[in-house]
């Protein structure tokens, strides 16, 4: 091996060594995966179908629950805080395990399953020509600092083949909630279950 080739290898080794030092130095202050917050929130149905229950039915009579639309406040896993009419923050040290719209869809579907013998599906499950579609918009699911309360609002849309499209707005407010994750989480679960129960009663009749 000639001198020029050896010099090139030595330079390459020095470069690699320098990169290794930089990487090791940064590893102490950076995390590629991100550190999870101390509190992770989810929604748990107040009424759930017992394990082992089997439900079947004609897709044409099934109920399909769609993931609701949201604005950007609820398009993330953080819990929004309404400071005033125009300013929004997020609850510190807390986050949803997944996007609120998906959590609410699962909660509503499970609540409906506990209220009816009809087949209840979610839009992540393939089915065509279902009897009733429940869609809508999740307007609020967060904390209002002005009133120390949690608020869940859902604009539901019920549609079926051959019938008129009907919309209805549902709301639940839990007042007197301290601005801490350990209180906000259970209150949001309570309010979301309340709204899901209202929607289920409206759909099932």
C-alpha atoms as a PDB file:
ATOM      1  CA  UNK A   1       0.000   0.000   0.000  1.00  0.00           C
ATOM      2  CA  UNK A   2       1.458   3.345  -0.947  1.00  0.00           C
ATOM      3  CA  UNK A   3       1.882   6.340   1.322  1.00  0.00           C
ATOM      4  CA  UNK A   4      -0.942   8.309  -0.289  1.00  0.00           C
ATOM      5  CA  UNK A   5      -3.444   5.489   0.303  1.00  0.00           C
ATOM      6  CA  UNK A   6      -2.319   5.137   3.930  1.00  0.00           C
ATOM      7  CA  UNK A   7      -2.696   8.860   4.454  1.00  0.00           C
ATOM      8  CA  UNK A   8      -6.237   8.702   3.077  1.00  0.00           C
ATOM      9  CA  UNK A   9      -7.165   5.852   5.439  1.00  0.00           C
ATOM     10  CA  UNK A  10      -5.711   7.730   8.414  1.00  0.00           C
ATOM     11  CA  UNK A  11      -7.724  10.829   7.534  1.00  0.00           C
ATOM     12  CA  UNK A  12     -10.865   8.727   7.227  1.00  0.00           C
ATOM     13  CA  UNK A  13     -10.240   7.131  10.619  1.00  0.00           C
ATOM     14  CA  UNK A  14      -9.799  10.531  12.220  1.00  0.00           C
ATOM     15  CA  UNK A  15     -13.079  11.698  10.680  1.00  0.00           C
ATOM     16  CA  UNK A  16     -14.926   8.616  11.931  1.00  0.00           C
ATOM     17  CA  UNK A  17     -13.445   9.058  15.383  1.00  0.00           C
ATOM     18  CA  UNK A  18     -14.548  12.686  15.467  1.00  0.00           C
ATOM     19  CA  UNK A  19     -18.077  11.728  14.432  1.00  0.00           C
ATOM     20  CA  UNK A  20     -18.163   9.071  17.159  1.00  0.00           C
ATOM     21  CA  UNK A  21     -17.139  11.597  19.809  1.00  0.00           C
ATOM     22  CA  UNK A  22     -19.838  14.037  18.636  1.00  0.00           C
ATOM     23  CA  UNK A  23     -22.496  11.290  18.642  1.00  0.00           C
ATOM     24  CA  UNK A  24     -21.575  10.163  22.154  1.00  0.00           C
ATOM     25  CA  UNK A  25     -21.613  13.747  23.382  1.00  0.00           C
ATOM     26  CA  UNK A  26     -25.073  14.389  21.970  1.00  0.00           C
ATOM     27  CA  UNK A  27     -26.532  11.123  23.257  1.00  0.00           C
ATOM     28  CA  UNK A  28     -26.553  12.552  26.763  1.00  0.00           C
ATOM     29  CA  UNK A  29     -28.907  15.385  25.858  1.00  0.00           C
ATOM     30  CA  UNK A  30     -30.934  14.028  22.925  1.00  0.00           C
ATOM     31  CA  UNK A  31     -33.428  11.187  22.689  1.00  0.00           C
ATOM     32  CA  UNK A  32     -34.609  10.034  19.285  1.00  0.00           C
ATOM     33  CA  UNK A  33     -37.716   8.415  20.750  1.00  0.00           C
ATOM     34  CA  UNK A  34     -38.634  11.295  23.046  1.00  0.00           C
ATOM     35  CA  UNK A  35     -39.322  10.962  26.760  1.00  0.00           C
ATOM     36  CA  UNK A  36     -42.980  10.200  27.506  1.00  0.00           C
ATOM     37  CA  UNK A  37     -44.832  12.574  29.863  1.00  0.00           C
ATOM     38  CA  UNK A  38     -45.398  11.449  33.476  1.00  0.00           C
ATOM     39  CA  UNK A  39     -49.153  11.076  32.855  1.00  0.00           C
ATOM     40  CA  UNK A  40     -50.698   9.283  29.868  1.00  0.00           C
ATOM     41  CA  UNK A  41     -54.470   9.621  29.538  1.00  0.00           C
ATOM     42  CA  UNK A  42     -57.051   7.399  27.879  1.00  0.00           C
ATOM     43  CA  UNK A  43     -60.829   6.918  27.851  1.00  0.00           C
ATOM     44  CA  UNK A  44     -62.383   3.923  29.579  1.00  0.00           C
ATOM     45  CA  UNK A  45     -66.048   3.041  28.866  1.00  0.00           C
ATOM     46  CA  UNK A  46     -68.359   3.211  31.872  1.00  0.00           C
ATOM     47  CA  UNK A  47     -70.386   0.382  30.325  1.00  0.00           C
ATOM     48  CA  UNK A  48     -68.594  -2.313  28.362  1.00  0.00           C
ATOM     49  CA  UNK A  49     -69.617  -5.543  26.673  1.00  0.00           C
ATOM     50  CA  UNK A  50     -68.606  -8.591  28.767  1.00  0.00           C
ATOM     51  CA  UNK A  51     -65.721 -10.706  27.524  1.00  0.00           C
ATOM     52  CA  UNK A  52     -66.842 -13.652  25.420  1.00  0.00           C
ATOM     53  CA  UNK A  53     -69.878 -11.877  23.980  1.00  0.00           C
ATOM     54  CA  UNK A  54     -70.452 -12.762  20.317  1.00  0.00           C
ATOM     55  CA  UNK A  55     -72.385 -10.382  18.096  1.00  0.00           C
ATOM     56  CA  UNK A  56     -73.274 -11.011  14.476  1.00  0.00           C
ATOM     57  CA  UNK A  57     -75.696  -9.507  12.030  1.00  0.00           C
ATOM     58  CA  UNK A  58     -76.463  -8.299   8.559  1.00  0.00           C
ATOM     59  CA  UNK A  59     -74.145  -5.382   7.626  1.00  0.00           C
ATOM     60  CA  UNK A  60     -77.224  -3.632   6.215  1.00  0.00           C
ATOM     61  CA  UNK A  61     -78.566  -3.272   9.755  1.00  0.00           C
ATOM     62  CA  UNK A  62     -75.218  -2.549  11.402  1.00  0.00           C
ATOM     63  CA  UNK A  63     -74.128   0.736  12.975  1.00  0.00           C
ATOM     64  CA  UNK A  64     -70.872   2.199  11.706  1.00  0.00           C
ATOM     65  CA  UNK A  65     -69.087   4.669  14.006  1.00  0.00           C
ATOM     66  CA  UNK A  66     -66.797   7.028  12.123  1.00  0.00           C
ATOM     67  CA  UNK A  67     -63.768   8.809  13.552  1.00  0.00           C
ATOM     68  CA  UNK A  68     -64.913  12.404  14.178  1.00  0.00           C
ATOM     69  CA  UNK A  69     -63.298  15.395  12.578  1.00  0.00           C
ATOM     70  CA  UNK A  70     -61.410  17.862  14.787  1.00  0.00           C
ATOM     71  CA  UNK A  71     -59.631  21.170  14.530  1.00  0.00           C
ATOM     72  CA  UNK A  72     -55.892  21.480  15.112  1.00  0.00           C
ATOM     73  CA  UNK A  73     -56.276  21.813  18.892  1.00  0.00           C
ATOM     74  CA  UNK A  74     -57.449  18.198  19.074  1.00  0.00           C
ATOM     75  CA  UNK A  75     -55.395  16.825  16.196  1.00  0.00           C
ATOM     76  CA  UNK A  76     -52.508  16.158  18.602  1.00  0.00           C
ATOM     77  CA  UNK A  77     -52.114  13.971  21.683  1.00  0.00           C
ATOM     78  CA  UNK A  78     -51.783  16.922  24.080  1.00  0.00           C
ATOM     79  CA  UNK A  79     -54.714  18.116  26.219  1.00  0.00           C
ATOM     80  CA  UNK A  80     -55.809  21.659  25.302  1.00  0.00           C
ATOM     81  CA  UNK A  81     -56.438  24.362  27.898  1.00  0.00           C
ATOM     82  CA  UNK A  82     -58.655  27.315  26.981  1.00  0.00           C
ATOM     83  CA  UNK A  83     -57.027  30.308  28.684  1.00  0.00           C
ATOM     84  CA  UNK A  84     -59.403  32.937  27.310  1.00  0.00           C
ATOM     85  CA  UNK A  85     -61.442  33.478  24.153  1.00  0.00           C
ATOM     86  CA  UNK A  86     -58.378  33.524  21.902  1.00  0.00           C
ATOM     87  CA  UNK A  87     -55.495  31.853  23.763  1.00  0.00           C
ATOM     88  CA  UNK A  88     -54.891  28.128  24.113  1.00  0.00           C
ATOM     89  CA  UNK A  89     -52.220  26.251  26.061  1.00  0.00           C
ATOM     90  CA  UNK A  90     -51.740  22.563  26.857  1.00  0.00           C
ATOM     91  CA  UNK A  91     -51.789  20.648  30.129  1.00  0.00           C
ATOM     92  CA  UNK A  92     -48.243  20.219  31.393  1.00  0.00           C
ATOM     93  CA  UNK A  93     -46.866  16.713  31.956  1.00  0.00           C
ATOM     94  CA  UNK A  94     -49.857  14.946  30.382  1.00  0.00           C
ATOM     95  CA  UNK A  95     -50.796  13.536  26.989  1.00  0.00           C
ATOM     96  CA  UNK A  96     -53.329  11.167  25.431  1.00  0.00           C
ATOM     97  CA  UNK A  97     -52.133   7.690  24.500  1.00  0.00           C
ATOM     98  CA  UNK A  98     -53.426   8.457  20.980  1.00  0.00           C
ATOM     99  CA  UNK A  99     -55.385  11.165  19.213  1.00  0.00           C
ATOM    100  CA  UNK A 100     -58.578  12.170  21.077  1.00  0.00           C
ATOM    101  CA  UNK A 101     -60.779  11.564  18.010  1.00  0.00           C
ATOM    102  CA  UNK A 102     -59.774   7.901  17.881  1.00  0.00           C
ATOM    103  CA  UNK A 103     -60.235   7.465  21.610  1.00  0.00           C
ATOM    104  CA  UNK A 104     -63.718   8.977  21.429  1.00  0.00           C
ATOM    105  CA  UNK A 105     -64.678   6.826  18.442  1.00  0.00           C
ATOM    106  CA  UNK A 106     -63.721   3.658  20.353  1.00  0.00           C
ATOM    107  CA  UNK A 107     -65.565   4.869  23.455  1.00  0.00           C
ATOM    108  CA  UNK A 108     -68.745   5.673  21.502  1.00  0.00           C
ATOM    109  CA  UNK A 109     -68.651   2.344  19.662  1.00  0.00           C
ATOM    110  CA  UNK A 110     -68.260   0.371  22.896  1.00  0.00           C
ATOM    111  CA  UNK A 111     -71.050   2.366  24.552  1.00  0.00           C
ATOM    112  CA  UNK A 112     -73.338   1.604  21.604  1.00  0.00           C
ATOM    113  CA  UNK A 113     -72.465  -2.098  21.798  1.00  0.00           C
ATOM    114  CA  UNK A 114     -73.587  -2.128  25.417  1.00  0.00           C
ATOM    115  CA  UNK A 115     -76.910  -0.475  24.521  1.00  0.00           C
ATOM    116  CA  UNK A 116     -78.024  -2.457  21.466  1.00  0.00           C
ATOM    117  CA  UNK A 117     -77.970  -5.966  20.057  1.00  0.00           C
ATOM    118  CA  UNK A 118     -77.144  -4.584  16.599  1.00  0.00           C
ATOM    119  CA  UNK A 119     -73.725  -5.124  15.108  1.00  0.00           C
ATOM    120  CA  UNK A 120     -71.572  -2.060  15.863  1.00  0.00           C
ATOM    121  CA  UNK A 121     -68.454  -1.451  13.778  1.00  0.00           C
ATOM    122  CA  UNK A 122     -65.791   1.246  13.606  1.00  0.00           C
ATOM    123  CA  UNK A 123     -64.690   2.822  10.343  1.00  0.00           C
ATOM    124  CA  UNK A 124     -61.332   1.069  10.650  1.00  0.00           C
ATOM    125  CA  UNK A 125     -63.251  -2.176  10.064  1.00  0.00           C
ATOM    126  CA  UNK A 126     -64.204  -2.814   6.443  1.00  0.00           C
ATOM    127  CA  UNK A 127     -67.940  -3.058   5.762  1.00  0.00           C
ATOM    128  CA  UNK A 128     -70.153  -1.803   2.973  1.00  0.00           C
ATOM    129  CA  UNK A 129     -73.824  -0.838   2.897  1.00  0.00           C
ATOM    130  CA  UNK A 130     -74.198  -0.461   6.655  1.00  0.00           C
ATOM    131  CA  UNK A 131     -77.579   0.536   8.037  1.00  0.00           C
ATOM    132  CA  UNK A 132     -76.607   3.606  10.068  1.00  0.00           C
ATOM    133  CA  UNK A 133     -73.523   5.768   9.981  1.00  0.00           C
ATOM    134  CA  UNK A 134     -72.595   7.899  12.978  1.00  0.00           C
ATOM    135  CA  UNK A 135     -70.101  10.593  12.078  1.00  0.00           C
ATOM    136  CA  UNK A 136     -69.545  14.141  13.238  1.00  0.00           C
ATOM    137  CA  UNK A 137     -67.094  16.572  14.772  1.00  0.00           C
ATOM    138  CA  UNK A 138     -65.384  16.494  18.147  1.00  0.00           C
ATOM    139  CA  UNK A 139     -65.550  20.184  18.995  1.00  0.00           C
ATOM    140  CA  UNK A 140     -64.048  20.209  22.494  1.00  0.00           C
ATOM    141  CA  UNK A 141     -62.336  17.718  24.763  1.00  0.00           C
ATOM    142  CA  UNK A 142     -60.161  19.652  27.140  1.00  0.00           C
ATOM    143  CA  UNK A 143     -59.849  21.948  30.129  1.00  0.00           C
ATOM    144  CA  UNK A 144     -61.336  25.440  30.502  1.00  0.00           C
ATOM    145  CA  UNK A 145     -59.121  27.483  32.834  1.00  0.00           C
ATOM    146  CA  UNK A 146     -61.703  30.262  33.041  1.00  0.00           C
ATOM    147  CA  UNK A 147     -64.226  28.030  34.823  1.00  0.00           C
ATOM    148  CA  UNK A 148     -61.928  25.289  36.193  1.00  0.00           C
ATOM    149  CA  UNK A 149     -63.934  22.698  34.308  1.00  0.00           C
ATOM    150  CA  UNK A 150     -63.470  20.059  31.651  1.00  0.00           C
ATOM    151  CA  UNK A 151     -65.667  20.225  28.563  1.00  0.00           C
ATOM    152  CA  UNK A 152     -66.566  17.614  25.949  1.00  0.00           C
ATOM    153  CA  UNK A 153     -68.666  18.697  22.947  1.00  0.00           C
ATOM    154  CA  UNK A 154     -69.587  16.509  20.005  1.00  0.00           C
ATOM    155  CA  UNK A 155     -71.637  17.386  16.928  1.00  0.00           C
ATOM    156  CA  UNK A 156     -73.122  14.065  15.802  1.00  0.00           C
ATOM    157  CA  UNK A 157     -74.399  13.254  12.313  1.00  0.00           C
ATOM    158  CA  UNK A 158     -76.715  10.276  11.820  1.00  0.00           C
ATOM    159  CA  UNK A 159     -77.277   9.075   8.277  1.00  0.00           C
ATOM    160  CA  UNK A 160     -78.774   5.998   6.660  1.00  0.00           C
ATOM    161  CA  UNK A 161     -79.883   4.957   3.196  1.00  0.00           C
ATOM    162  CA  UNK A 162     -83.272   6.351   2.294  1.00  0.00           C
ATOM    163  CA  UNK A 163     -83.514   8.584   5.376  1.00  0.00           C
ATOM    164  CA  UNK A 164     -82.794  12.220   6.042  1.00  0.00           C
ATOM    165  CA  UNK A 165     -79.443  13.212   7.539  1.00  0.00           C
ATOM    166  CA  UNK A 166     -79.906  14.394  11.133  1.00  0.00           C
ATOM    167  CA  UNK A 167     -77.435  16.301  13.308  1.00  0.00           C
ATOM    168  CA  UNK A 168     -77.449  16.952  17.040  1.00  0.00           C
ATOM    169  CA  UNK A 169     -74.950  18.561  19.403  1.00  0.00           C
ATOM    170  CA  UNK A 170     -74.081  16.946  22.716  1.00  0.00           C
ATOM    171  CA  UNK A 171     -72.181  18.418  25.642  1.00  0.00           C
ATOM    172  CA  UNK A 172     -70.975  17.499  29.100  1.00  0.00           C
ATOM    173  CA  UNK A 173     -69.235  19.802  31.579  1.00  0.00           C
ATOM    174  CA  UNK A 174     -67.574  18.742  34.835  1.00  0.00           C
ATOM    175  CA  UNK A 175     -66.959  21.837  37.022  1.00  0.00           C
ATOM    176  CA  UNK A 176     -64.583  22.417  39.921  1.00  0.00           C
ATOM    177  CA  UNK A 177     -61.629  20.477  38.488  1.00  0.00           C
ATOM    178  CA  UNK A 178     -58.139  21.488  39.722  1.00  0.00           C
ATOM    179  CA  UNK A 179     -55.670  22.234  36.943  1.00  0.00           C
ATOM    180  CA  UNK A 180     -53.617  19.059  37.466  1.00  0.00           C
ATOM    181  CA  UNK A 181     -53.412  15.950  35.247  1.00  0.00           C
ATOM    182  CA  UNK A 182     -54.501  13.612  38.043  1.00  0.00           C
ATOM    183  CA  UNK A 183     -57.813  15.484  38.264  1.00  0.00           C
ATOM    184  CA  UNK A 184     -58.279  16.502  34.641  1.00  0.00           C
ATOM    185  CA  UNK A 185     -57.897  12.942  33.296  1.00  0.00           C
ATOM    186  CA  UNK A 186     -60.727  11.319  35.319  1.00  0.00           C
ATOM    187  CA  UNK A 187     -62.982  14.330  34.725  1.00  0.00           C
ATOM    188  CA  UNK A 188     -62.456  14.094  30.955  1.00  0.00           C
ATOM    189  CA  UNK A 189     -63.230  10.390  31.097  1.00  0.00           C
ATOM    190  CA  UNK A 190     -66.441  11.138  32.998  1.00  0.00           C
ATOM    191  CA  UNK A 191     -67.528  13.843  30.560  1.00  0.00           C
ATOM    192  CA  UNK A 192     -66.683  11.751  27.484  1.00  0.00           C
ATOM    193  CA  UNK A 193     -68.684   8.815  28.843  1.00  0.00           C
ATOM    194  CA  UNK A 194     -71.605  11.144  29.521  1.00  0.00           C
ATOM    195  CA  UNK A 195     -71.564  12.407  25.917  1.00  0.00           C
ATOM    196  CA  UNK A 196     -71.166   8.893  24.526  1.00  0.00           C
ATOM    197  CA  UNK A 197     -74.160   7.773  26.575  1.00  0.00           C
ATOM    198  CA  UNK A 198     -76.258  10.654  25.267  1.00  0.00           C
ATOM    199  CA  UNK A 199     -75.314   9.871  21.675  1.00  0.00           C
ATOM    200  CA  UNK A 200     -76.024   6.161  22.138  1.00  0.00           C
ATOM    201  CA  UNK A 201     -79.471   6.903  23.542  1.00  0.00           C
ATOM    202  CA  UNK A 202     -80.182   9.142  20.548  1.00  0.00           C
ATOM    203  CA  UNK A 203     -79.007   6.561  18.002  1.00  0.00           C
ATOM    204  CA  UNK A 204     -80.671   3.528  19.566  1.00  0.00           C
ATOM    205  CA  UNK A 205     -83.812   5.420  20.503  1.00  0.00           C
END
